[in-house]
Amino acid sequence: MNVSLAQIDLLDAERHIREALLHPAFSDWLKQALRSALERDPVALANDLELLGHLLRPWAAAHMASAHEVQVASGVFATPEGP
């Protein structure tokens, strides 16, 4: 029986997903997203993942930058001094 590289890649990806679903450090949100994703059409899922990345990365980055600015301004988080 010949197994294609695509089939090997799929088995490897499914193994990683199973491991993620069992990992105690991964959030419930992520695990639910993985479970939901597995029920989707792969093409539709890939399109939605691309859109999610475009929408959520800037949002998360802005929140983290804002939190960092607050920490620096309040002296909670000291920045290294320049030369």
PDB file of N, CA and C in Angstrom:
ATOM      1  N   MET A   1       0.851  -1.190   0.000  1.00  0.00           N
ATOM      2  CA  MET A   1       0.000   0.000   0.000  1.00  0.00           C
ATOM      3  C   MET A   1       0.890   1.246   0.000  1.00  0.00           C
ATOM      4  N   ASN A   2       0.681   2.104  -0.968  1.00  0.00           N
ATOM      5  CA  ASN A   2       1.419   3.349  -1.059  1.00  0.00           C
ATOM      6  C   ASN A   2       0.651   4.452  -0.352  1.00  0.00           C
ATOM      7  N   VAL A   3       1.361   5.196   0.458  1.00  0.00           N
ATOM      8  CA  VAL A   3       0.763   6.324   1.165  1.00  0.00           C
ATOM      9  C   VAL A   3       1.379   7.590   0.582  1.00  0.00           C
ATOM     10  N   SER A   4       0.529   8.529   0.185  1.00  0.00           N
ATOM     11  CA  SER A   4       1.025   9.768  -0.421  1.00  0.00           C
ATOM     12  C   SER A   4       1.561  10.717   0.665  1.00  0.00           C
ATOM     13  N   LEU A   5       2.349  11.671   0.213  1.00  0.00           N
ATOM     14  CA  LEU A   5       2.858  12.683   1.139  1.00  0.00           C
ATOM     15  C   LEU A   5       1.708  13.492   1.746  1.00  0.00           C
ATOM     16  N   ALA A   6       0.675  13.743   0.969  1.00  0.00           N
ATOM     17  CA  ALA A   6      -0.484  14.479   1.484  1.00  0.00           C
ATOM     18  C   ALA A   6      -1.165  13.706   2.600  1.00  0.00           C
ATOM     19  N   GLN A   7      -1.270  12.389   2.457  1.00  0.00           N
ATOM     20  CA  GLN A   7      -1.887  11.568   3.502  1.00  0.00           C
ATOM     21  C   GLN A   7      -1.025  11.569   4.761  1.00  0.00           C
ATOM     22  N   ILE A   8       0.291  11.523   4.583  1.00  0.00           N
ATOM     23  CA  ILE A   8       1.202  11.575   5.735  1.00  0.00           C
ATOM     24  C   ILE A   8       1.072  12.919   6.437  1.00  0.00           C
ATOM     25  N   ASP A   9       1.011  13.999   5.655  1.00  0.00           N
ATOM     26  CA  ASP A   9       0.844  15.335   6.238  1.00  0.00           C
ATOM     27  C   ASP A   9      -0.464  15.447   7.008  1.00  0.00           C
ATOM     28  N   LEU A  10      -1.532  14.878   6.463  1.00  0.00           N
ATOM     29  CA  LEU A  10      -2.829  14.925   7.129  1.00  0.00           C
ATOM     30  C   LEU A  10      -2.790  14.151   8.443  1.00  0.00           C
ATOM     31  N   LEU A  11      -2.195  12.970   8.432  1.00  0.00           N
ATOM     32  CA  LEU A  11      -2.076  12.187   9.664  1.00  0.00           C
ATOM     33  C   LEU A  11      -1.259  12.928  10.709  1.00  0.00           C
ATOM     34  N   ASP A  12      -0.189  13.575  10.267  1.00  0.00           N
ATOM     35  CA  ASP A  12       0.658  14.340  11.187  1.00  0.00           C
ATOM     36  C   ASP A  12      -0.113  15.522  11.776  1.00  0.00           C
ATOM     37  N   ALA A  13      -0.862  16.219  10.928  1.00  0.00           N
ATOM     38  CA  ALA A  13      -1.657  17.356  11.401  1.00  0.00           C
ATOM     39  C   ALA A  13      -2.724  16.902  12.395  1.00  0.00           C
ATOM     40  N   GLU A  14      -3.374  15.794  12.104  1.00  0.00           N
ATOM     41  CA  GLU A  14      -4.403  15.271  13.011  1.00  0.00           C
ATOM     42  C   GLU A  14      -3.796  14.839  14.342  1.00  0.00           C
ATOM     43  N   ARG A  15      -2.593  14.292  14.304  1.00  0.00           N
ATOM     44  CA  ARG A  15      -1.904  13.914  15.552  1.00  0.00           C
ATOM     45  C   ARG A  15      -1.618  15.157  16.389  1.00  0.00           C
ATOM     46  N   HIS A  16      -1.138  16.224  15.743  1.00  0.00           N
ATOM     47  CA  HIS A  16      -0.866  17.462  16.475  1.00  0.00           C
ATOM     48  C   HIS A  16      -2.135  18.039  17.098  1.00  0.00           C
ATOM     49  N   ILE A  17      -3.231  17.968  16.367  1.00  0.00           N
ATOM     50  CA  ILE A  17      -4.504  18.473  16.891  1.00  0.00           C
ATOM     51  C   ILE A  17      -4.951  17.643  18.091  1.00  0.00           C
ATOM     52  N   ARG A  18      -4.851  16.324  17.997  1.00  0.00           N
ATOM     53  CA  ARG A  18      -5.213  15.464  19.144  1.00  0.00           C
ATOM     54  C   ARG A  18      -4.363  15.803  20.364  1.00  0.00           C
ATOM     55  N   GLU A  19      -3.071  16.015  20.150  1.00  0.00           N
ATOM     56  CA  GLU A  19      -2.185  16.371  21.264  1.00  0.00           C
ATOM     57  C   GLU A  19      -2.584  17.710  21.869  1.00  0.00           C
ATOM     58  N   ALA A  20      -2.932  18.674  21.023  1.00  0.00           N
ATOM     59  CA  ALA A  20      -3.356  19.987  21.518  1.00  0.00           C
ATOM     60  C   ALA A  20      -4.633  19.876  22.336  1.00  0.00           C
ATOM     61  N   LEU A  21      -5.564  19.042  21.872  1.00  0.00           N
ATOM     62  CA  LEU A  21      -6.823  18.880  22.600  1.00  0.00           C
ATOM     63  C   LEU A  21      -6.618  18.241  23.975  1.00  0.00           C
ATOM     64  N   LEU A  22      -5.561  17.489  24.131  1.00  0.00           N
ATOM     65  CA  LEU A  22      -5.280  16.839  25.411  1.00  0.00           C
ATOM     66  C   LEU A  22      -4.352  17.645  26.310  1.00  0.00           C
ATOM     67  N   HIS A  23      -3.742  18.676  25.772  1.00  0.00           N
ATOM     68  CA  HIS A  23      -2.743  19.430  26.531  1.00  0.00           C
ATOM     69  C   HIS A  23      -3.415  20.317  27.577  1.00  0.00           C
ATOM     70  N   PRO A  24      -3.009  20.196  28.829  1.00  0.00           N
ATOM     71  CA  PRO A  24      -3.677  20.961  29.889  1.00  0.00           C
ATOM     72  C   PRO A  24      -3.408  22.465  29.840  1.00  0.00           C
ATOM     73  N   ALA A  25      -2.349  22.880  29.177  1.00  0.00           N
ATOM     74  CA  ALA A  25      -2.029  24.308  29.154  1.00  0.00           C
ATOM     75  C   ALA A  25      -2.789  25.070  28.071  1.00  0.00           C
ATOM     76  N   PHE A  26      -3.374  24.355  27.115  1.00  0.00           N
ATOM     77  CA  PHE A  26      -4.103  25.026  26.050  1.00  0.00           C
ATOM     78  C   PHE A  26      -5.476  25.453  26.565  1.00  0.00           C
ATOM     79  N   SER A  27      -5.896  26.630  26.151  1.00  0.00           N
ATOM     80  CA  SER A  27      -7.162  27.189  26.644  1.00  0.00           C
ATOM     81  C   SER A  27      -8.365  26.416  26.131  1.00  0.00           C
ATOM     82  N   ASP A  28      -9.449  26.506  26.896  1.00  0.00           N
ATOM     83  CA  ASP A  28     -10.706  25.904  26.467  1.00  0.00           C
ATOM     84  C   ASP A  28     -11.193  26.535  25.167  1.00  0.00           C
ATOM     85  N   TRP A  29     -10.946  27.844  25.003  1.00  0.00           N
ATOM     86  CA  TRP A  29     -11.343  28.535  23.786  1.00  0.00           C
ATOM     87  C   TRP A  29     -10.654  27.906  22.579  1.00  0.00           C
ATOM     88  N   LEU A  30      -9.343  27.676  22.687  1.00  0.00           N
ATOM     89  CA  LEU A  30      -8.594  27.085  21.587  1.00  0.00           C
ATOM     90  C   LEU A  30      -9.066  25.661  21.295  1.00  0.00           C
ATOM     91  N   LYS A  31      -9.285  24.890  22.337  1.00  0.00           N
ATOM     92  CA  LYS A  31      -9.745  23.512  22.140  1.00  0.00           C
ATOM     93  C   LYS A  31     -11.113  23.473  21.468  1.00  0.00           C
ATOM     94  N   GLN A  32     -12.005  24.365  21.860  1.00  0.00           N
ATOM     95  CA  GLN A  32     -13.328  24.414  21.228  1.00  0.00           C
ATOM     96  C   GLN A  32     -13.203  24.853  19.775  1.00  0.00           C
ATOM     97  N   ALA A  33     -12.320  25.805  19.503  1.00  0.00           N
ATOM     98  CA  ALA A  33     -12.106  26.244  18.127  1.00  0.00           C
ATOM     99  C   ALA A  33     -11.570  25.097  17.276  1.00  0.00           C
ATOM    100  N   LEU A  34     -10.663  24.306  17.826  1.00  0.00           N
ATOM    101  CA  LEU A  34     -10.137  23.153  17.089  1.00  0.00           C
ATOM    102  C   LEU A  34     -11.243  22.136  16.796  1.00  0.00           C
ATOM    103  N   ARG A  35     -12.041  21.839  17.816  1.00  0.00           N
ATOM    104  CA  ARG A  35     -13.135  20.872  17.611  1.00  0.00           C
ATOM    105  C   ARG A  35     -14.101  21.365  16.530  1.00  0.00           C
ATOM    106  N   SER A  36     -14.435  22.628  16.599  1.00  0.00           N
ATOM    107  CA  SER A  36     -15.345  23.214  15.624  1.00  0.00           C
ATOM    108  C   SER A  36     -14.715  23.216  14.228  1.00  0.00           C
ATOM    109  N   ALA A  37     -13.451  23.527  14.154  1.00  0.00           N
ATOM    110  CA  ALA A  37     -12.758  23.585  12.863  1.00  0.00           C
ATOM    111  C   ALA A  37     -12.745  22.231  12.168  1.00  0.00           C
ATOM    112  N   LEU A  38     -12.619  21.165  12.937  1.00  0.00           N
ATOM    113  CA  LEU A  38     -12.555  19.828  12.358  1.00  0.00           C
ATOM    114  C   LEU A  38     -13.857  19.423  11.669  1.00  0.00           C
ATOM    115  N   GLU A  39     -14.933  20.110  12.004  1.00  0.00           N
ATOM    116  CA  GLU A  39     -16.232  19.810  11.392  1.00  0.00           C
ATOM    117  C   GLU A  39     -16.489  20.628  10.127  1.00  0.00           C
ATOM    118  N   ARG A  40     -15.579  21.553   9.817  1.00  0.00           N
ATOM    119  CA  ARG A  40     -15.769  22.474   8.692  1.00  0.00           C
ATOM    120  C   ARG A  40     -15.162  21.942   7.411  1.00  0.00           C
ATOM    121  N   ASP A  41     -15.600  22.493   6.314  1.00  0.00           N
ATOM    122  CA  ASP A  41     -14.961  22.250   5.031  1.00  0.00           C
ATOM    123  C   ASP A  41     -13.565  22.889   5.084  1.00  0.00           C
ATOM    124  N   PRO A  42     -12.513  22.158   4.711  1.00  0.00           N
ATOM    125  CA  PRO A  42     -11.150  22.695   4.833  1.00  0.00           C
ATOM    126  C   PRO A  42     -10.909  23.986   4.050  1.00  0.00           C
ATOM    127  N   VAL A  43     -11.533  24.140   2.890  1.00  0.00           N
ATOM    128  CA  VAL A  43     -11.341  25.362   2.109  1.00  0.00           C
ATOM    129  C   VAL A  43     -12.000  26.544   2.811  1.00  0.00           C
ATOM    130  N   ALA A  44     -13.227  26.366   3.277  1.00  0.00           N
ATOM    131  CA  ALA A  44     -13.919  27.430   4.011  1.00  0.00           C
ATOM    132  C   ALA A  44     -13.161  27.766   5.290  1.00  0.00           C
ATOM    133  N   LEU A  45     -12.650  26.747   5.962  1.00  0.00           N
ATOM    134  CA  LEU A  45     -11.876  26.966   7.185  1.00  0.00           C
ATOM    135  C   LEU A  45     -10.623  27.780   6.896  1.00  0.00           C
ATOM    136  N   ALA A  46      -9.892  27.433   5.848  1.00  0.00           N
ATOM    137  CA  ALA A  46      -8.673  28.168   5.506  1.00  0.00           C
ATOM    138  C   ALA A  46      -8.989  29.637   5.222  1.00  0.00           C
ATOM    139  N   ASN A  47     -10.084  29.882   4.518  1.00  0.00           N
ATOM    140  CA  ASN A  47     -10.489  31.270   4.240  1.00  0.00           C
ATOM    141  C   ASN A  47     -10.831  32.012   5.525  1.00  0.00           C
ATOM    142  N   ASP A  48     -11.578  31.364   6.417  1.00  0.00           N
ATOM    143  CA  ASP A  48     -11.947  31.995   7.687  1.00  0.00           C
ATOM    144  C   ASP A  48     -10.721  32.242   8.563  1.00  0.00           C
ATOM    145  N   LEU A  49      -9.768  31.309   8.555  1.00  0.00           N
ATOM    146  CA  LEU A  49      -8.543  31.499   9.342  1.00  0.00           C
ATOM    147  C   LEU A  49      -7.761  32.712   8.858  1.00  0.00           C
ATOM    148  N   GLU A  50      -7.705  32.882   7.543  1.00  0.00           N
ATOM    149  CA  GLU A  50      -7.018  34.047   6.976  1.00  0.00           C
ATOM    150  C   GLU A  50      -7.686  35.338   7.440  1.00  0.00           C
ATOM    151  N   LEU A  51      -9.003  35.363   7.385  1.00  0.00           N
ATOM    152  CA  LEU A  51      -9.740  36.548   7.813  1.00  0.00           C
ATOM    153  C   LEU A  51      -9.575  36.790   9.312  1.00  0.00           C
ATOM    154  N   LEU A  52      -9.667  35.731  10.108  1.00  0.00           N
ATOM    155  CA  LEU A  52      -9.467  35.877  11.552  1.00  0.00           C
ATOM    156  C   LEU A  52      -8.102  36.483  11.864  1.00  0.00           C
ATOM    157  N   GLY A  53      -7.086  36.014  11.172  1.00  0.00           N
ATOM    158  CA  GLY A  53      -5.749  36.560  11.384  1.00  0.00           C
ATOM    159  C   GLY A  53      -5.680  38.047  11.089  1.00  0.00           C
ATOM    160  N   HIS A  54      -6.312  38.457   9.977  1.00  0.00           N
ATOM    161  CA  HIS A  54      -6.309  39.875   9.609  1.00  0.00           C
ATOM    162  C   HIS A  54      -7.080  40.724  10.603  1.00  0.00           C
ATOM    163  N   LEU A  55      -8.124  40.156  11.199  1.00  0.00           N
ATOM    164  CA  LEU A  55      -8.949  40.912  12.140  1.00  0.00           C
ATOM    165  C   LEU A  55      -8.391  40.904  13.560  1.00  0.00           C
ATOM    166  N   LEU A  56      -7.951  39.748  14.018  1.00  0.00           N
ATOM    167  CA  LEU A  56      -7.596  39.615  15.430  1.00  0.00           C
ATOM    168  C   LEU A  56      -6.146  39.967  15.758  1.00  0.00           C
ATOM    169  N   ARG A  57      -5.207  39.757  14.833  1.00  0.00           N
ATOM    170  CA  ARG A  57      -3.812  40.109  15.142  1.00  0.00           C
ATOM    171  C   ARG A  57      -3.645  41.592  15.461  1.00  0.00           C
ATOM    172  N   PRO A  58      -4.167  42.501  14.615  1.00  0.00           N
ATOM    173  CA  PRO A  58      -4.037  43.922  14.952  1.00  0.00           C
ATOM    174  C   PRO A  58      -4.760  44.289  16.246  1.00  0.00           C
ATOM    175  N   TRP A  59      -5.908  43.678  16.481  1.00  0.00           N
ATOM    176  CA  TRP A  59      -6.666  43.948  17.709  1.00  0.00           C
ATOM    177  C   TRP A  59      -5.859  43.534  18.926  1.00  0.00           C
ATOM    178  N   ALA A  60      -5.311  42.326  18.905  1.00  0.00           N
ATOM    179  CA  ALA A  60      -4.511  41.839  20.034  1.00  0.00           C
ATOM    180  C   ALA A  60      -3.247  42.667  20.199  1.00  0.00           C
ATOM    181  N   ALA A  61      -2.593  43.011  19.094  1.00  0.00           N
ATOM    182  CA  ALA A  61      -1.370  43.813  19.165  1.00  0.00           C
ATOM    183  C   ALA A  61      -1.651  45.181  19.779  1.00  0.00           C
ATOM    184  N   ALA A  62      -2.761  45.794  19.397  1.00  0.00           N
ATOM    185  CA  ALA A  62      -3.114  47.104  19.951  1.00  0.00           C
ATOM    186  C   ALA A  62      -3.398  47.014  21.441  1.00  0.00           C
ATOM    187  N   HIS A  63      -4.085  45.962  21.868  1.00  0.00           N
ATOM    188  CA  HIS A  63      -4.348  45.779  23.295  1.00  0.00           C
ATOM    189  C   HIS A  63      -3.051  45.578  24.071  1.00  0.00           C
ATOM    190  N   MET A  64      -2.146  44.769  23.535  1.00  0.00           N
ATOM    191  CA  MET A  64      -0.880  44.536  24.238  1.00  0.00           C
ATOM    192  C   MET A  64      -0.031  45.795  24.281  1.00  0.00           C
ATOM    193  N   ALA A  65      -0.022  46.572  23.192  1.00  0.00           N
ATOM    194  CA  ALA A  65       0.737  47.819  23.172  1.00  0.00           C
ATOM    195  C   ALA A  65       0.166  48.809  24.179  1.00  0.00           C
ATOM    196  N   SER A  66      -1.155  48.874  24.254  1.00  0.00           N
ATOM    197  CA  SER A  66      -1.797  49.779  25.196  1.00  0.00           C
ATOM    198  C   SER A  66      -1.479  49.384  26.635  1.00  0.00           C
ATOM    199  N   ALA A  67      -1.537  48.101  26.928  1.00  0.00           N
ATOM    200  CA  ALA A  67      -1.217  47.626  28.277  1.00  0.00           C
ATOM    201  C   ALA A  67       0.233  47.924  28.614  1.00  0.00           C
ATOM    202  N   HIS A  68       1.123  47.763  27.635  1.00  0.00           N
ATOM    203  CA  HIS A  68       2.542  48.046  27.858  1.00  0.00           C
ATOM    204  C   HIS A  68       2.742  49.531  28.160  1.00  0.00           C
ATOM    205  N   GLU A  69       2.057  50.401  27.401  1.00  0.00           N
ATOM    206  CA  GLU A  69       2.166  51.837  27.634  1.00  0.00           C
ATOM    207  C   GLU A  69       1.702  52.209  29.036  1.00  0.00           C
ATOM    208  N   VAL A  70       0.631  51.611  29.497  1.00  0.00           N
ATOM    209  CA  VAL A  70       0.119  51.879  30.839  1.00  0.00           C
ATOM    210  C   VAL A  70       1.133  51.429  31.881  1.00  0.00           C
ATOM    211  N   GLN A  71       1.720  50.267  31.683  1.00  0.00           N
ATOM    212  CA  GLN A  71       2.713  49.760  32.631  1.00  0.00           C
ATOM    213  C   GLN A  71       3.936  50.664  32.682  1.00  0.00           C
ATOM    214  N   VAL A  72       4.410  51.103  31.541  1.00  0.00           N
ATOM    215  CA  VAL A  72       5.579  51.980  31.503  1.00  0.00           C
ATOM    216  C   VAL A  72       5.252  53.314  32.167  1.00  0.00           C
ATOM    217  N   ALA A  73       4.094  53.877  31.846  1.00  0.00           N
ATOM    218  CA  ALA A  73       3.699  55.168  32.408  1.00  0.00           C
ATOM    219  C   ALA A  73       3.532  55.108  33.920  1.00  0.00           C
ATOM    220  N   SER A  74       3.095  53.956  34.421  1.00  0.00           N
ATOM    221  CA  SER A  74       2.875  53.847  35.859  1.00  0.00           C
ATOM    222  C   SER A  74       4.121  53.380  36.594  1.00  0.00           C
ATOM    223  N   GLY A  75       5.172  53.062  35.858  1.00  0.00           N
ATOM    224  CA  GLY A  75       6.404  52.605  36.487  1.00  0.00           C
ATOM    225  C   GLY A  75       6.376  51.133  36.885  1.00  0.00           C
ATOM    226  N   VAL A  76       5.311  50.442  36.554  1.00  0.00           N
ATOM    227  CA  VAL A  76       5.212  49.027  36.877  1.00  0.00           C
ATOM    228  C   VAL A  76       6.196  48.227  36.056  1.00  0.00           C
ATOM    229  N   PHE A  77       6.405  48.651  34.837  1.00  0.00           N
ATOM    230  CA  PHE A  77       7.292  47.952  33.917  1.00  0.00           C
ATOM    231  C   PHE A  77       8.362  48.936  33.491  1.00  0.00           C
ATOM    232  N   ALA A  78       9.542  48.770  34.000  1.00  0.00           N
ATOM    233  CA  ALA A  78      10.633  49.695  33.659  1.00  0.00           C
ATOM    234  C   ALA A  78      11.254  49.293  32.341  1.00  0.00           C
ATOM    235  N   THR A  79      11.510  50.302  31.493  1.00  0.00           N
ATOM    236  CA  THR A  79      12.178  50.027  30.227  1.00  0.00           C
ATOM    237  C   THR A  79      13.677  50.186  30.421  1.00  0.00           C
ATOM    238  N   PRO A  80      14.466  49.443  29.662  1.00  0.00           N
ATOM    239  CA  PRO A  80      15.917  49.599  29.784  1.00  0.00           C
ATOM    240  C   PRO A  80      16.329  50.998  29.377  1.00  0.00           C
ATOM    241  N   GLU A  81      17.263  51.549  30.069  1.00  0.00           N
ATOM    242  CA  GLU A  81      17.718  52.898  29.749  1.00  0.00           C
ATOM    243  C   GLU A  81      18.680  52.838  28.595  1.00  0.00           C
ATOM    244  N   GLY A  82      18.565  53.808  27.725  1.00  0.00           N
ATOM    245  CA  GLY A  82      19.442  53.883  26.558  1.00  0.00           C
ATOM    246  C   GLY A  82      20.814  54.432  26.931  1.00  0.00           C
ATOM    247  N   PRO A  83      21.715  54.458  25.947  1.00  0.00           N
ATOM    248  CA  PRO A  83      23.081  54.956  26.209  1.00  0.00           C
ATOM    249  C   PRO A  83      23.131  56.413  26.554  1.00  0.00           C
TER     250      PRO A  83
END
